[in-house]
C-alpha cells in the first residue's frame, strides 16, 4: 500500500499543469492589454488624420 505512488504522481502533475495554465493566463492577459492599447492608439491616429 505504501509503495503505490500513482495517485500522488497524478496530484503532482495536476498541480504542475494548473501552475503552467495560471502563468499562461497572466502572460496572455498582459499581452492583450498591450495589444488593445496599440490598436486604440492606431484608431485615435486614424480619427485625427481625417
Protein backbone atom coordinates (compact mmCIF):
# COMPACT_ATOMS: atom_id res chain seq x y z
CA UNK A 1 0.00 0.00 0.00
CA UNK A 2 2.77 2.46 0.80
CA UNK A 3 4.61 1.67 -2.45
CA UNK A 4 1.67 2.76 -4.68
CA UNK A 5 2.64 6.26 -5.81
CA UNK A 6 0.33 6.64 -8.82
CA UNK A 7 -2.19 8.82 -7.01
CA UNK A 8 0.49 11.08 -5.59
CA UNK A 9 2.10 11.49 -9.00
CA UNK A 10 -1.25 12.34 -10.59
CA UNK A 11 -1.85 15.07 -7.99
CA UNK A 12 1.65 16.48 -8.53
CA UNK A 13 1.18 16.53 -12.31
CA UNK A 14 -2.20 18.20 -11.84
CA UNK A 15 -0.65 20.95 -9.69
CA UNK A 16 2.15 21.50 -12.20
CA UNK A 17 -0.35 21.79 -15.07
CA UNK A 18 -2.51 24.19 -13.03
CA UNK A 19 0.50 26.43 -12.36
CA UNK A 20 1.50 26.40 -16.04
CA UNK A 21 -2.03 27.37 -17.07
CA UNK A 22 -2.10 30.16 -14.49
CA UNK A 23 1.20 31.60 -15.74
CA UNK A 24 -0.02 31.39 -19.34
CA UNK A 25 -3.23 33.24 -18.47
CA UNK A 26 -1.33 36.04 -16.72
CA UNK A 27 1.08 36.34 -19.64
CA UNK A 28 -1.67 36.40 -22.24
CA UNK A 29 -3.58 38.97 -20.22
CA UNK A 30 -0.63 41.36 -20.21
CA UNK A 31 -0.07 40.82 -23.94
CA UNK A 32 -3.76 41.50 -24.56
CA UNK A 33 -3.57 44.78 -22.62
CA UNK A 34 -0.59 45.94 -24.72
CA UNK A 35 -2.31 44.91 -27.96
CA UNK A 36 -5.55 46.69 -27.04
CA UNK A 37 -3.58 49.83 -26.22
CA UNK A 38 -1.69 49.64 -29.50
CA UNK A 39 -4.87 49.32 -31.58
CA UNK A 40 -6.51 52.12 -29.57
CA UNK A 41 -3.56 54.34 -30.46
CA UNK A 42 -3.82 53.41 -34.15
CA UNK A 43 -7.56 54.09 -34.09
CA UNK A 44 -7.03 57.50 -32.49
CA UNK A 45 -4.42 58.45 -35.11
CA UNK A 46 -6.78 57.45 -37.92
CA UNK A 47 -9.59 59.54 -36.43
CA UNK A 48 -7.25 62.53 -36.03
CA UNK A 49 -5.99 62.21 -39.61
CA UNK A 50 -9.46 62.76 -41.09
